[in-house]
């Protein structure tokens, strides 16, 4: 008798949990949309970082470039 009551309780709990899982799926998660959203956020961050790095390199190159390269070459050759 005791085994029967335990099995009945387990059966009822299983049935209730199954029904709860079935009816809880109203809010469907679109993983593809989440993945593309994350992709766009990361690409935005990558473009911003890339623009900052490229701007810094251009600034450094133009700030520290050699001036009067032709004249220095003439002075060094002794002509």
PDB file of N, CA and C in Angstrom:
ATOM      1  N   UNK A   1       0.826  -1.192   0.000  1.00  0.00           N
ATOM      2  CA  UNK A   1       0.000   0.000   0.000  1.00  0.00           C
ATOM      3  C   UNK A   1       0.870   1.255   0.000  1.00  0.00           C
ATOM      4  N   UNK A   2       1.939   1.172   0.773  1.00  0.00           N
ATOM      5  CA  UNK A   2       2.815   2.340   0.864  1.00  0.00           C
ATOM      6  C   UNK A   2       3.495   2.595  -0.479  1.00  0.00           C
ATOM      7  N   UNK A   3       3.927   1.513  -1.172  1.00  0.00           N
ATOM      8  CA  UNK A   3       4.552   1.666  -2.484  1.00  0.00           C
ATOM      9  C   UNK A   3       3.586   2.267  -3.487  1.00  0.00           C
ATOM     10  N   UNK A   4       2.326   1.905  -3.386  1.00  0.00           N
ATOM     11  CA  UNK A   4       1.310   2.432  -4.301  1.00  0.00           C
ATOM     12  C   UNK A   4       1.114   3.929  -4.096  1.00  0.00           C
ATOM     13  N   UNK A   5       1.103   4.361  -2.826  1.00  0.00           N
ATOM     14  CA  UNK A   5       0.923   5.794  -2.557  1.00  0.00           C
ATOM     15  C   UNK A   5       2.155   6.594  -3.009  1.00  0.00           C
ATOM     16  N   UNK A   6       3.352   6.026  -2.846  1.00  0.00           N
ATOM     17  CA  UNK A   6       4.563   6.713  -3.301  1.00  0.00           C
ATOM     18  C   UNK A   6       4.561   6.824  -4.820  1.00  0.00           C
ATOM     19  N   UNK A   7       4.155   5.745  -5.490  1.00  0.00           N
ATOM     20  CA  UNK A   7       4.091   5.780  -6.957  1.00  0.00           C
ATOM     21  C   UNK A   7       3.041   6.770  -7.439  1.00  0.00           C
ATOM     22  N   UNK A   8       1.936   6.880  -6.725  1.00  0.00           N
ATOM     23  CA  UNK A   8       0.893   7.833  -7.102  1.00  0.00           C
ATOM     24  C   UNK A   8       1.401   9.260  -6.964  1.00  0.00           C
ATOM     25  N   UNK A   9       2.115   9.542  -5.876  1.00  0.00           N
ATOM     26  CA  UNK A   9       2.662  10.885  -5.668  1.00  0.00           C
ATOM     27  C   UNK A   9       3.687  11.208  -6.759  1.00  0.00           C
ATOM     28  N   UNK A  10       4.563  10.246  -7.072  1.00  0.00           N
ATOM     29  CA  UNK A  10       5.557  10.462  -8.126  1.00  0.00           C
ATOM     30  C   UNK A  10       4.882  10.685  -9.467  1.00  0.00           C
ATOM     31  N   UNK A  11       3.833   9.925  -9.760  1.00  0.00           N
ATOM     32  CA  UNK A  11       3.100  10.078 -11.018  1.00  0.00           C
ATOM     33  C   UNK A  11       2.447  11.446 -11.108  1.00  0.00           C
ATOM     34  N   UNK A  12       1.845  11.898 -10.017  1.00  0.00           N
ATOM     35  CA  UNK A  12       1.190  13.214 -10.014  1.00  0.00           C
ATOM     36  C   UNK A  12       2.231  14.315 -10.182  1.00  0.00           C
ATOM     37  N   UNK A  13       3.348  14.227  -9.472  1.00  0.00           N
ATOM     38  CA  UNK A  13       4.391  15.240  -9.600  1.00  0.00           C
ATOM     39  C   UNK A  13       4.985  15.265 -11.006  1.00  0.00           C
ATOM     40  N   UNK A  14       5.165  14.097 -11.593  1.00  0.00           N
ATOM     41  CA  UNK A  14       5.680  14.020 -12.961  1.00  0.00           C
ATOM     42  C   UNK A  14       4.698  14.654 -13.935  1.00  0.00           C
ATOM     43  N   UNK A  15       3.434  14.346 -13.760  1.00  0.00           N
ATOM     44  CA  UNK A  15       2.406  14.911 -14.631  1.00  0.00           C
ATOM     45  C   UNK A  15       2.330  16.427 -14.487  1.00  0.00           C
ATOM     46  N   UNK A  16       2.391  16.920 -13.262  1.00  0.00           N
ATOM     47  CA  UNK A  16       2.331  18.368 -13.048  1.00  0.00           C
ATOM     48  C   UNK A  16       3.559  19.081 -13.623  1.00  0.00           C
ATOM     49  N   UNK A  17       4.724  18.487 -13.442  1.00  0.00           N
ATOM     50  CA  UNK A  17       5.920  19.129 -13.982  1.00  0.00           C
ATOM     51  C   UNK A  17       5.916  19.113 -15.508  1.00  0.00           C
ATOM     52  N   UNK A  18       5.412  18.015 -16.094  1.00  0.00           N
ATOM     53  CA  UNK A  18       5.336  17.933 -17.552  1.00  0.00           C
ATOM     54  C   UNK A  18       4.358  18.972 -18.102  1.00  0.00           C
ATOM     55  N   UNK A  19       3.234  19.103 -17.477  1.00  0.00           N
ATOM     56  CA  UNK A  19       2.241  20.098 -17.914  1.00  0.00           C
ATOM     57  C   UNK A  19       2.808  21.499 -17.739  1.00  0.00           C
ATOM     58  N   UNK A  20       3.517  21.736 -16.646  1.00  0.00           N
ATOM     59  CA  UNK A  20       4.127  23.047 -16.428  1.00  0.00           C
ATOM     60  C   UNK A  20       5.164  23.378 -17.478  1.00  0.00           C
ATOM     61  N   UNK A  21       5.965  22.394 -17.860  1.00  0.00           N
ATOM     62  CA  UNK A  21       6.987  22.620 -18.888  1.00  0.00           C
ATOM     63  C   UNK A  21       6.341  22.891 -20.240  1.00  0.00           C
ATOM     64  N   UNK A  22       5.289  22.140 -20.555  1.00  0.00           N
ATOM     65  CA  UNK A  22       4.630  22.304 -21.855  1.00  0.00           C
ATOM     66  C   UNK A  22       4.003  23.681 -21.981  1.00  0.00           C
ATOM     67  N   UNK A  23       3.324  24.139 -20.946  1.00  0.00           N
ATOM     68  CA  UNK A  23       2.639  25.424 -21.029  1.00  0.00           C
ATOM     69  C   UNK A  23       3.547  26.606 -20.691  1.00  0.00           C
ATOM     70  N   UNK A  24       4.741  26.360 -20.244  1.00  0.00           N
ATOM     71  CA  UNK A  24       5.666  27.456 -19.929  1.00  0.00           C
ATOM     72  C   UNK A  24       6.422  27.919 -21.165  1.00  0.00           C
ATOM     73  N   UNK A  25       6.271  27.259 -22.296  1.00  0.00           N
ATOM     74  CA  UNK A  25       7.018  27.585 -23.505  1.00  0.00           C
ATOM     75  C   UNK A  25       6.338  28.662 -24.342  1.00  0.00           C
ATOM     76  N   UNK A  26       5.608  29.560 -23.733  1.00  0.00           N
ATOM     77  CA  UNK A  26       4.956  30.633 -24.484  1.00  0.00           C
ATOM     78  C   UNK A  26       5.979  31.652 -24.990  1.00  0.00           C
ATOM     79  N   UNK A  27       7.000  31.935 -24.213  1.00  0.00           N
ATOM     80  CA  UNK A  27       8.016  32.908 -24.601  1.00  0.00           C
ATOM     81  C   UNK A  27       9.163  32.159 -25.277  1.00  0.00           C
ATOM     82  N   UNK A  28       9.153  32.148 -26.594  1.00  0.00           N
ATOM     83  CA  UNK A  28      10.152  31.409 -27.365  1.00  0.00           C
ATOM     84  C   UNK A  28      11.383  32.291 -27.543  1.00  0.00           C
ATOM     85  N   UNK A  29      12.555  31.740 -27.317  1.00  0.00           N
ATOM     86  CA  UNK A  29      13.812  32.467 -27.473  1.00  0.00           C
ATOM     87  C   UNK A  29      14.368  32.162 -28.860  1.00  0.00           C
ATOM     88  N   UNK A  30      14.556  33.203 -29.636  1.00  0.00           N
ATOM     89  CA  UNK A  30      15.136  33.055 -30.968  1.00  0.00           C
ATOM     90  C   UNK A  30      16.648  33.212 -30.835  1.00  0.00           C
ATOM     91  N   UNK A  31      17.359  32.091 -30.806  1.00  0.00           N
ATOM     92  CA  UNK A  31      18.797  32.133 -30.581  1.00  0.00           C
ATOM     93  C   UNK A  31      19.535  32.763 -31.746  1.00  0.00           C
ATOM     94  N   UNK A  32      19.013  32.615 -32.932  1.00  0.00           N
ATOM     95  CA  UNK A  32      19.655  33.220 -34.094  1.00  0.00           C
ATOM     96  C   UNK A  32      19.637  34.743 -33.974  1.00  0.00           C
ATOM     97  N   UNK A  33      18.512  35.294 -33.563  1.00  0.00           N
ATOM     98  CA  UNK A  33      18.417  36.743 -33.399  1.00  0.00           C
ATOM     99  C   UNK A  33      19.341  37.224 -32.292  1.00  0.00           C
ATOM    100  N   UNK A  34      19.452  36.469 -31.220  1.00  0.00           N
ATOM    101  CA  UNK A  34      20.364  36.843 -30.137  1.00  0.00           C
ATOM    102  C   UNK A  34      21.815  36.807 -30.612  1.00  0.00           C
ATOM    103  N   UNK A  35      22.157  35.789 -31.403  1.00  0.00           N
ATOM    104  CA  UNK A  35      23.527  35.671 -31.900  1.00  0.00           C
ATOM    105  C   UNK A  35      23.862  36.828 -32.837  1.00  0.00           C
ATOM    106  N   UNK A  36      22.933  37.179 -33.742  1.00  0.00           N
ATOM    107  CA  UNK A  36      23.203  38.288 -34.655  1.00  0.00           C
ATOM    108  C   UNK A  36      23.266  39.613 -33.911  1.00  0.00           C
ATOM    109  N   UNK A  37      22.445  39.776 -32.881  1.00  0.00           N
ATOM    110  CA  UNK A  37      22.501  40.992 -32.068  1.00  0.00           C
ATOM    111  C   UNK A  37      23.850  41.141 -31.383  1.00  0.00           C
ATOM    112  N   UNK A  38      24.351  40.035 -30.846  1.00  0.00           N
ATOM    113  CA  UNK A  38      25.666  40.054 -30.210  1.00  0.00           C
ATOM    114  C   UNK A  38      26.760  40.326 -31.238  1.00  0.00           C
ATOM    115  N   UNK A  39      26.610  39.735 -32.430  1.00  0.00           N
ATOM    116  CA  UNK A  39      27.574  39.969 -33.506  1.00  0.00           C
ATOM    117  C   UNK A  39      27.642  41.448 -33.865  1.00  0.00           C
ATOM    118  N   UNK A  40      26.483  42.096 -34.014  1.00  0.00           N
ATOM    119  CA  UNK A  40      26.471  43.511 -34.378  1.00  0.00           C
ATOM    120  C   UNK A  40      27.065  44.380 -33.271  1.00  0.00           C
ATOM    121  N   UNK A  41      26.800  44.039 -32.019  1.00  0.00           N
ATOM    122  CA  UNK A  41      27.389  44.806 -30.919  1.00  0.00           C
ATOM    123  C   UNK A  41      28.909  44.676 -30.917  1.00  0.00           C
ATOM    124  N   UNK A  42      29.393  43.458 -31.117  1.00  0.00           N
ATOM    125  CA  UNK A  42      30.832  43.245 -31.117  1.00  0.00           C
ATOM    126  C   UNK A  42      31.498  43.902 -32.333  1.00  0.00           C
ATOM    127  N   UNK A  43      30.836  43.867 -33.481  1.00  0.00           N
ATOM    128  CA  UNK A  43      31.402  44.516 -34.662  1.00  0.00           C
ATOM    129  C   UNK A  43      31.449  46.031 -34.473  1.00  0.00           C
ATOM    130  N   UNK A  44      30.456  46.606 -33.825  1.00  0.00           N
ATOM    131  CA  UNK A  44      30.476  48.035 -33.529  1.00  0.00           C
ATOM    132  C   UNK A  44      31.662  48.370 -32.637  1.00  0.00           C
ATOM    133  N   UNK A  45      31.862  47.567 -31.607  1.00  0.00           N
ATOM    134  CA  UNK A  45      33.008  47.793 -30.714  1.00  0.00           C
ATOM    135  C   UNK A  45      34.321  47.623 -31.472  1.00  0.00           C
ATOM    136  N   UNK A  46      34.408  46.625 -32.348  1.00  0.00           N
ATOM    137  CA  UNK A  46      35.635  46.390 -33.102  1.00  0.00           C
ATOM    138  C   UNK A  46      35.935  47.556 -34.041  1.00  0.00           C
ATOM    139  N   UNK A  47      34.912  48.090 -34.697  1.00  0.00           N
ATOM    140  CA  UNK A  47      35.138  49.226 -35.592  1.00  0.00           C
ATOM    141  C   UNK A  47      35.580  50.458 -34.820  1.00  0.00           C
ATOM    142  N   UNK A  48      35.012  50.667 -33.641  1.00  0.00           N
ATOM    143  CA  UNK A  48      35.406  51.826 -32.832  1.00  0.00           C
ATOM    144  C   UNK A  48      36.859  51.692 -32.393  1.00  0.00           C
ATOM    145  N   UNK A  49      37.223  50.525 -31.892  1.00  0.00           N
ATOM    146  CA  UNK A  49      38.611  50.309 -31.461  1.00  0.00           C
ATOM    147  C   UNK A  49      39.556  50.422 -32.655  1.00  0.00           C
ATOM    148  N   UNK A  50      39.182  49.857 -33.792  1.00  0.00           N
ATOM    149  CA  UNK A  50      40.014  49.943 -34.993  1.00  0.00           C
ATOM    150  C   UNK A  50      40.203  51.380 -35.452  1.00  0.00           C
ATOM    151  N   UNK A  51      39.147  52.168 -35.390  1.00  0.00           N
ATOM    152  CA  UNK A  51      39.251  53.573 -35.793  1.00  0.00           C
ATOM    153  C   UNK A  51      40.164  54.348 -34.852  1.00  0.00           C
ATOM    154  N   UNK A  52      40.090  54.058 -33.580  1.00  0.00           N
ATOM    155  CA  UNK A  52      40.956  54.744 -32.614  1.00  0.00           C
ATOM    156  C   UNK A  52      42.418  54.369 -32.858  1.00  0.00           C
ATOM    157  N   UNK A  53      42.683  53.083 -33.060  1.00  0.00           N
ATOM    158  CA  UNK A  53      44.055  52.635 -33.300  1.00  0.00           C
ATOM    159  C   UNK A  53      44.591  53.224 -34.607  1.00  0.00           C
ATOM    160  N   UNK A  54      43.789  53.200 -35.652  1.00  0.00           N
ATOM    161  CA  UNK A  54      44.238  53.734 -36.935  1.00  0.00           C
ATOM    162  C   UNK A  54      44.459  55.243 -36.845  1.00  0.00           C
ATOM    163  N   UNK A  55      43.580  55.948 -36.172  1.00  0.00           N
ATOM    164  CA  UNK A  55      43.770  57.387 -35.997  1.00  0.00           C
ATOM    165  C   UNK A  55      45.025  57.708 -35.213  1.00  0.00           C
ATOM    166  N   UNK A  56      45.300  56.909 -34.182  1.00  0.00           N
ATOM    167  CA  UNK A  56      46.518  57.113 -33.399  1.00  0.00           C
ATOM    168  C   UNK A  56      47.760  56.877 -34.253  1.00  0.00           C
ATOM    169  N   UNK A  57      47.747  55.830 -35.075  1.00  0.00           N
ATOM    170  CA  UNK A  57      48.893  55.556 -35.947  1.00  0.00           C
ATOM    171  C   UNK A  57      49.102  56.667 -36.963  1.00  0.00           C
ATOM    172  N   UNK A  58      48.041  57.150 -37.564  1.00  0.00           N
ATOM    173  CA  UNK A  58      48.165  58.239 -38.542  1.00  0.00           C
ATOM    174  C   UNK A  58      48.722  59.485 -37.867  1.00  0.00           C
ATOM    175  N   UNK A  59      48.239  59.788 -36.667  1.00  0.00           N
ATOM    176  CA  UNK A  59      48.732  60.953 -35.929  1.00  0.00           C
ATOM    177  C   UNK A  59      50.229  60.821 -35.625  1.00  0.00           C
ATOM    178  N   UNK A  60      50.633  59.648 -35.138  1.00  0.00           N
ATOM    179  CA  UNK A  60      52.046  59.442 -34.794  1.00  0.00           C
ATOM    180  C   UNK A  60      52.922  59.508 -36.042  1.00  0.00           C
ATOM    181  N   UNK A  61      52.461  58.906 -37.133  1.00  0.00           N
ATOM    182  CA  UNK A  61      53.256  58.912 -38.369  1.00  0.00           C
ATOM    183  C   UNK A  61      53.440  60.327 -38.894  1.00  0.00           C
ATOM    184  N   UNK A  62      52.375  61.128 -38.915  1.00  0.00           N
ATOM    185  CA  UNK A  62      52.503  62.484 -39.443  1.00  0.00           C
ATOM    186  C   UNK A  62      53.224  63.409 -38.472  1.00  0.00           C
ATOM    187  N   UNK A  63      53.129  63.162 -37.189  1.00  0.00           N
ATOM    188  CA  UNK A  63      53.803  64.022 -36.221  1.00  0.00           C
ATOM    189  C   UNK A  63      55.310  63.802 -36.233  1.00  0.00           C
ATOM    190  N   UNK A  64      55.736  62.554 -36.352  1.00  0.00           N
ATOM    191  CA  UNK A  64      57.156  62.247 -36.247  1.00  0.00           C
ATOM    192  C   UNK A  64      57.807  61.889 -37.578  1.00  0.00           C
ATOM    193  N   UNK A  65      57.197  62.274 -38.687  1.00  0.00           N
ATOM    194  CA  UNK A  65      57.829  61.955 -39.973  1.00  0.00           C
ATOM    195  C   UNK A  65      59.040  62.857 -40.195  1.00  0.00           C
ATOM    196  N   UNK A  66      59.961  62.349 -40.985  1.00  0.00           N
ATOM    197  CA  UNK A  66      61.184  63.092 -41.266  1.00  0.00           C
ATOM    198  C   UNK A  66      60.883  64.242 -42.215  1.00  0.00           C
ATOM    199  N   UNK A  67      61.408  65.385 -41.892  1.00  0.00           N
ATOM    200  CA  UNK A  67      61.203  66.556 -42.743  1.00  0.00           C
ATOM    201  C   UNK A  67      62.473  66.815 -43.559  1.00  0.00           C
ATOM    202  N   UNK A  68      62.299  67.318 -44.768  1.00  0.00           N
ATOM    203  CA  UNK A  68      63.405  67.660 -45.671  1.00  0.00           C
ATOM    204  C   UNK A  68      64.299  66.445 -45.926  1.00  0.00           C
ATOM    205  N   UNK A  69      63.698  65.351 -46.324  1.00  0.00           N
ATOM    206  CA  UNK A  69      64.443  64.122 -46.564  1.00  0.00           C
ATOM    207  C   UNK A  69      65.418  64.305 -47.729  1.00  0.00           C
ATOM    208  N   UNK A  70      64.998  65.011 -48.791  1.00  0.00           N
ATOM    209  CA  UNK A  70      65.871  65.215 -49.956  1.00  0.00           C
ATOM    210  C   UNK A  70      67.094  66.040 -49.579  1.00  0.00           C
ATOM    211  N   UNK A  71      66.901  67.051 -48.786  1.00  0.00           N
ATOM    212  CA  UNK A  71      68.037  67.908 -48.409  1.00  0.00           C
ATOM    213  C   UNK A  71      69.016  67.133 -47.522  1.00  0.00           C
ATOM    214  N   UNK A  72      68.518  66.307 -46.620  1.00  0.00           N
ATOM    215  CA  UNK A  72      69.407  65.517 -45.769  1.00  0.00           C
ATOM    216  C   UNK A  72      70.215  64.533 -46.610  1.00  0.00           C
ATOM    217  N   UNK A  73      69.600  63.968 -47.626  1.00  0.00           N
ATOM    218  CA  UNK A  73      70.298  63.029 -48.489  1.00  0.00           C
ATOM    219  C   UNK A  73      71.412  63.743 -49.255  1.00  0.00           C
ATOM    220  N   UNK A  74      71.169  64.965 -49.694  1.00  0.00           N
ATOM    221  CA  UNK A  74      72.183  65.728 -50.418  1.00  0.00           C
ATOM    222  C   UNK A  74      73.330  66.094 -49.487  1.00  0.00           C
ATOM    223  N   UNK A  75      73.043  66.510 -48.249  1.00  0.00           N
ATOM    224  CA  UNK A  75      74.072  66.884 -47.293  1.00  0.00           C
ATOM    225  C   UNK A  75      74.941  65.674 -46.918  1.00  0.00           C
ATOM    226  N   UNK A  76      74.318  64.527 -46.783  1.00  0.00           N
ATOM    227  CA  UNK A  76      75.053  63.329 -46.374  1.00  0.00           C
ATOM    228  C   UNK A  76      75.959  62.815 -47.506  1.00  0.00           C
ATOM    229  N   UNK A  77      75.509  62.984 -48.753  1.00  0.00           N
ATOM    230  CA  UNK A  77      76.330  62.491 -49.865  1.00  0.00           C
ATOM    231  C   UNK A  77      77.505  63.410 -50.169  1.00  0.00           C
ATOM    232  N   UNK A  78      77.424  64.663 -49.702  1.00  0.00           N
ATOM    233  CA  UNK A  78      78.557  65.585 -49.887  1.00  0.00           C
ATOM    234  C   UNK A  78      78.573  66.251 -51.246  1.00  0.00           C
ATOM    235  N   UNK A  79      77.497  66.241 -51.950  1.00  0.00           N
ATOM    236  CA  UNK A  79      77.446  66.874 -53.277  1.00  0.00           C
ATOM    237  C   UNK A  79      77.172  68.341 -53.140  1.00  0.00           C
TER     238      UNK A  79
END
